[in-house]
N, C-alpha and C. Protein backbone atom coordinates (compact mmCIF):
# COMPACT_ATOMS: atom_id res chain seq x y z
N MET A 1 0.79 -1.07 -0.11
CA MET A 1 -0.06 0.17 0.06
C MET A 1 0.63 1.34 0.10
N ALA A 2 0.76 2.34 -0.94
CA ALA A 2 1.08 3.31 -0.82
C ALA A 2 0.47 4.75 -0.42
N THR A 3 1.60 5.46 0.19
CA THR A 3 0.82 6.88 0.74
C THR A 3 1.00 8.03 -0.56
N ILE A 4 -0.04 8.85 -0.60
CA ILE A 4 0.13 9.59 -1.32
C ILE A 4 -0.14 11.34 -0.22
N ASN A 5 0.84 12.27 -0.20
CA ASN A 5 0.85 13.57 0.27
C ASN A 5 0.23 14.22 -0.82
N VAL A 6 -0.53 15.17 -0.53
CA VAL A 6 -1.22 16.19 -1.38
C VAL A 6 -1.22 17.91 -0.42
N ASN A 7 -0.76 18.66 -0.86
CA ASN A 7 -1.38 19.93 -0.26
C ASN A 7 -2.75 20.20 -0.66
N VAL A 8 -3.45 20.89 0.22
CA VAL A 8 -4.59 21.09 0.10
C VAL A 8 -4.86 22.72 0.77
N ASP A 9 -5.30 23.50 0.17
CA ASP A 9 -6.06 25.02 0.68
C ASP A 9 -6.50 23.88 1.85
N ASP A 10 -6.56 24.70 2.94
CA ASP A 10 -7.19 24.67 4.79
C ASP A 10 -8.84 24.31 4.50
N LYS A 11 -8.82 25.88 4.21
CA LYS A 11 -10.79 25.77 3.53
C LYS A 11 -11.53 24.96 2.42
N VAL A 12 -10.24 24.47 1.53
CA VAL A 12 -11.41 23.55 0.43
C VAL A 12 -11.00 22.22 1.16
N LYS A 13 -10.45 21.68 1.85
CA LYS A 13 -10.09 20.32 2.60
C LYS A 13 -11.36 20.26 3.25
N GLU A 14 -11.51 21.15 4.19
CA GLU A 14 -12.68 21.64 5.58
C GLU A 14 -13.95 21.20 4.38
N GLN A 15 -14.48 22.34 3.97
CA GLN A 15 -15.09 22.36 2.65
C GLN A 15 -15.31 20.41 1.99
N ALA A 16 -14.70 20.26 1.16
CA ALA A 16 -14.85 18.97 0.56
C ALA A 16 -14.72 17.61 1.72
N LYS A 17 -14.55 17.68 2.93
CA LYS A 17 -14.75 16.72 4.34
C LYS A 17 -15.93 16.51 4.28
N GLU A 18 -16.73 18.08 4.86
CA GLU A 18 -17.75 18.17 5.51
C GLU A 18 -18.95 17.43 4.36
N THR A 19 -18.76 17.61 2.97
CA THR A 19 -19.68 17.29 1.52
C THR A 19 -19.13 15.34 2.05
N LEU A 20 -18.09 14.62 1.99
CA LEU A 20 -17.80 13.52 1.88
C LEU A 20 -18.57 12.66 3.17
N ASP A 21 -18.01 13.77 4.30
CA ASP A 21 -18.77 13.31 5.66
C ASP A 21 -20.49 13.05 4.90
N TYR A 22 -20.73 14.02 4.49
CA TYR A 22 -22.09 13.45 4.55
C TYR A 22 -22.82 12.74 3.21
N LEU A 23 -21.90 12.14 2.38
CA LEU A 23 -22.13 11.53 1.76
C LEU A 23 -21.80 10.08 2.14
N GLY A 24 -20.98 9.81 3.36
CA GLY A 24 -20.87 8.49 4.20
C GLY A 24 -19.31 7.75 3.44
N THR A 25 -18.73 8.98 2.58
CA THR A 25 -17.53 8.23 2.13
C THR A 25 -15.84 9.11 2.80
N ASN A 26 -15.11 8.98 2.38
CA ASN A 26 -13.58 9.89 2.56
C ASN A 26 -12.77 10.28 1.86
N PHE A 27 -11.44 10.31 2.25
CA PHE A 27 -10.62 10.78 1.32
C PHE A 27 -9.68 9.81 0.15
N THR A 28 -9.97 8.88 1.20
CA THR A 28 -9.26 7.83 1.12
C THR A 28 -9.87 7.15 -0.13
N ASN A 29 -10.93 6.73 0.10
CA ASN A 29 -11.90 6.40 -0.73
C ASN A 29 -12.29 7.21 -2.07
N VAL A 30 -12.44 8.29 -2.38
CA VAL A 30 -12.94 9.19 -3.18
C VAL A 30 -10.98 9.15 -4.18
N ILE A 31 -9.89 9.42 -3.67
CA ILE A 31 -8.78 8.97 -4.50
C ILE A 31 -8.31 7.79 -4.51
N ASN A 32 -8.82 6.93 -4.05
CA ASN A 32 -8.51 5.29 -5.04
C ASN A 32 -9.72 5.22 -6.13
N MET A 33 -11.09 5.75 -5.47
CA MET A 33 -11.96 6.17 -7.37
C MET A 33 -11.63 6.40 -8.06
N LEU A 34 -11.05 7.95 -7.76
CA LEU A 34 -10.42 8.76 -8.84
C LEU A 34 -9.12 8.43 -9.53
N LEU A 35 -8.34 7.51 -8.90
CA LEU A 35 -7.46 6.53 -9.84
C LEU A 35 -7.71 5.63 -10.72
N ARG A 36 -8.11 4.93 -9.59
CA ARG A 36 -9.09 3.90 -11.17
C ARG A 36 -9.78 3.84 -12.17
N GLN A 37 -10.46 5.19 -12.07
CA GLN A 37 -11.07 5.97 -13.06
C GLN A 37 -10.32 6.54 -14.10
N ILE A 38 -9.09 6.92 -13.51
CA ILE A 38 -7.67 6.99 -14.56
C ILE A 38 -7.21 5.97 -15.66
N ILE A 39 -7.15 4.94 -15.01
CA ILE A 39 -6.23 4.03 -15.35
C ILE A 39 -7.90 3.06 -16.09
N LEU A 40 -8.74 2.86 -16.14
CA LEU A 40 -9.91 2.58 -17.14
C LEU A 40 -10.34 3.01 -18.17
N THR A 41 -10.20 5.02 -17.73
CA THR A 41 -10.45 5.68 -18.75
C THR A 41 -9.11 5.58 -19.99
N GLY A 42 -7.99 6.03 -19.22
CA GLY A 42 -6.73 6.63 -19.50
C GLY A 42 -6.96 7.98 -19.38
N SER A 43 -7.76 8.80 -18.57
CA SER A 43 -7.74 9.94 -19.24
C SER A 43 -8.13 10.63 -17.71
N ILE A 44 -8.14 11.80 -17.45
CA ILE A 44 -8.94 12.06 -16.28
C ILE A 44 -10.45 12.14 -16.71
N PRO A 45 -11.03 11.78 -15.50
CA PRO A 45 -12.37 11.43 -15.64
C PRO A 45 -13.18 12.29 -15.25
N PHE A 46 -13.36 13.93 -15.89
CA PHE A 46 -14.41 14.45 -15.59
C PHE A 46 -14.06 15.77 -16.77
N GLU A 47 -14.52 16.30 -16.91
CA GLU A 47 -14.36 17.24 -17.84
C GLU A 47 -13.88 18.49 -16.93
N ILE A 48 -12.86 19.27 -17.42
CA ILE A 48 -12.05 20.46 -17.03
C ILE A 48 -12.36 22.09 -17.58
N LYS A 49 -13.02 22.60 -16.85
CA LYS A 49 -12.93 23.97 -18.01
C LYS A 49 -12.84 24.97 -16.82
N ILE A 50 -12.86 26.16 -17.68
CA ILE A 50 -13.19 27.75 -16.94
C ILE A 50 -14.96 28.18 -17.34
N PRO A 51 -15.26 27.91 -16.04
CA PRO A 51 -16.76 28.31 -15.84
C PRO A 51 -16.82 29.75 -16.94
N LYS A 52 -17.89 30.35 -17.99
CA LYS A 52 -18.01 31.31 -18.40
C LYS A 52 -18.83 31.92 -18.26
N LEU A 53 -19.03 33.25 -17.63
CA LEU A 53 -19.98 34.14 -16.98
C LEU A 53 -20.51 34.53 -18.14
N ASN A 54 -21.89 35.24 -18.35
CA ASN A 54 -22.51 35.91 -19.64
C ASN A 54 -22.57 37.20 -18.78
N ASP A 55 -22.62 38.52 -19.57
CA ASP A 55 -22.59 39.63 -19.35
C ASP A 55 -23.40 39.92 -18.14
N GLU A 56 -24.75 39.40 -17.56
CA GLU A 56 -25.87 40.09 -17.19
C GLU A 56 -25.00 39.22 -15.88
N THR A 57 -24.46 37.97 -15.37
CA THR A 57 -24.18 37.75 -14.38
C THR A 57 -22.81 38.25 -14.05
N ILE A 58 -21.97 38.57 -14.92
CA ILE A 58 -21.20 39.69 -14.71
C ILE A 58 -21.63 41.35 -13.72
N LYS A 59 -22.24 41.71 -14.70
CA LYS A 59 -22.38 42.49 -13.82
C LYS A 59 -23.16 42.42 -12.69
N ALA A 60 -23.94 41.54 -12.16
CA ALA A 60 -24.41 40.85 -10.91
C ALA A 60 -23.69 41.54 -10.01
N ILE A 61 -22.53 40.51 -10.11
CA ILE A 61 -21.60 39.78 -9.47
C ILE A 61 -20.96 41.52 -8.84
N VAL A 62 -20.36 42.17 -9.61
CA VAL A 62 -19.66 43.79 -9.63
C VAL A 62 -20.66 44.25 -9.25
N ASN A 63 -21.79 44.33 -9.18
CA ASN A 63 -22.73 45.73 -8.44
C ASN A 63 -23.28 44.74 -7.18
N ALA A 64 -22.93 43.88 -6.79
CA ALA A 64 -23.23 42.84 -5.92
C ALA A 64 -21.75 43.28 -5.00
N GLU A 65 -20.82 43.18 -5.39
CA GLU A 65 -19.89 43.14 -4.10
C GLU A 65 -19.42 44.77 -4.06
N LYS A 66 -20.30 45.72 -5.03
CA LYS A 66 -20.12 47.14 -4.65
C LYS A 66 -21.36 47.56 -3.57
N GLY A 67 -21.96 46.36 -3.45
CA GLY A 67 -23.35 46.51 -2.56
C GLY A 67 -24.29 47.41 -3.42
N ILE A 68 -24.69 46.86 -4.76
CA ILE A 68 -25.44 48.51 -5.39
C ILE A 68 -26.75 46.89 -5.55
N GLY A 69 -27.95 47.74 -5.58
CA GLY A 69 -28.85 46.67 -5.95
C GLY A 69 -28.98 45.68 -4.60
N LEU A 70 -29.06 46.00 -3.45
CA LEU A 70 -29.17 44.59 -2.47
C LEU A 70 -30.28 45.21 -2.18
N SER A 71 -30.61 46.02 -2.12
CA SER A 71 -31.48 46.41 -0.93
C SER A 71 -32.52 47.62 -1.47
N LYS A 72 -33.63 47.89 -1.08
CA LYS A 72 -34.52 49.12 -1.76
C LYS A 72 -34.29 49.94 -0.74
N GLU A 73 -34.56 51.17 -1.02
CA GLU A 73 -34.40 52.28 -0.15
C GLU A 73 -35.76 52.82 -0.10
N TYR A 74 -35.70 53.58 1.17
CA TYR A 74 -37.20 53.55 1.45
C TYR A 74 -37.34 55.24 1.73
N SER A 75 -37.95 55.95 1.61
CA SER A 75 -38.02 57.34 2.81
C SER A 75 -38.86 57.45 4.24
N ASN A 76 -38.87 56.13 4.22
CA ASN A 76 -40.04 56.16 5.48
C ASN A 76 -40.73 55.03 5.86
N LEU A 77 -41.03 54.42 6.75
CA LEU A 77 -41.76 53.47 7.55
C LEU A 77 -42.80 52.85 6.76
N ASP A 78 -43.21 54.04 6.74
CA ASP A 78 -44.92 53.70 5.73
C ASP A 78 -44.75 53.07 4.47
N GLU A 79 -43.34 54.13 3.43
CA GLU A 79 -43.47 53.01 2.43
C GLU A 79 -42.71 51.73 2.27
N MET A 80 -42.36 51.53 3.59
CA MET A 80 -41.69 50.44 3.54
C MET A 80 -42.75 49.47 3.69
N TRP A 81 -43.62 48.98 4.33
CA TRP A 81 -44.91 48.32 5.22
C TRP A 81 -45.66 48.58 3.70
N LYS A 82 -46.13 49.58 3.38
CA LYS A 82 -46.62 49.45 2.05
C LYS A 82 -46.37 48.80 0.82
N ASP A 83 -44.88 48.49 0.40
CA ASP A 83 -44.54 47.72 -0.23
C ASP A 83 -43.83 46.27 0.26
N LEU A 84 -44.01 45.85 1.05
CA LEU A 84 -44.15 44.97 2.04
C LEU A 84 -45.22 43.37 1.94
N GLU A 85 -46.65 44.90 2.16
CA GLU A 85 -47.39 44.02 2.25
C GLU A 85 -48.48 43.71 0.63
N LYS A 86 -47.75 44.25 -0.94
CA LYS A 86 -47.84 43.93 -1.68
C LYS A 86 -47.14 43.03 -1.89
N GLU A 87 -46.35 42.27 -1.57
CA GLU A 87 -45.76 40.90 -1.80
C GLU A 87 -46.14 39.78 -1.42
N ASP A 88 -47.43 40.14 -0.71
CA ASP A 88 -47.83 38.91 -0.10
C ASP A 88 -48.82 38.67 -0.74
């Protein structure tokens, strides 16, 4: 049995561990499955790509980072309550 040492960002490792725990498996099982699939397929067994964001999504991300459009402004509480009642 061989040992593989891998350097991984702490946050990425923790997030992956939570997901694997939820799925009832662990890093060792997943790494073994990955390596077996590499052998069986003769390739990396999943698509590797950079996600393409459309202009609308990019604009929404930029606006959110700037805090634009995250909430509606009201001049008084009555105006806010009227608007909230409309949503029901």
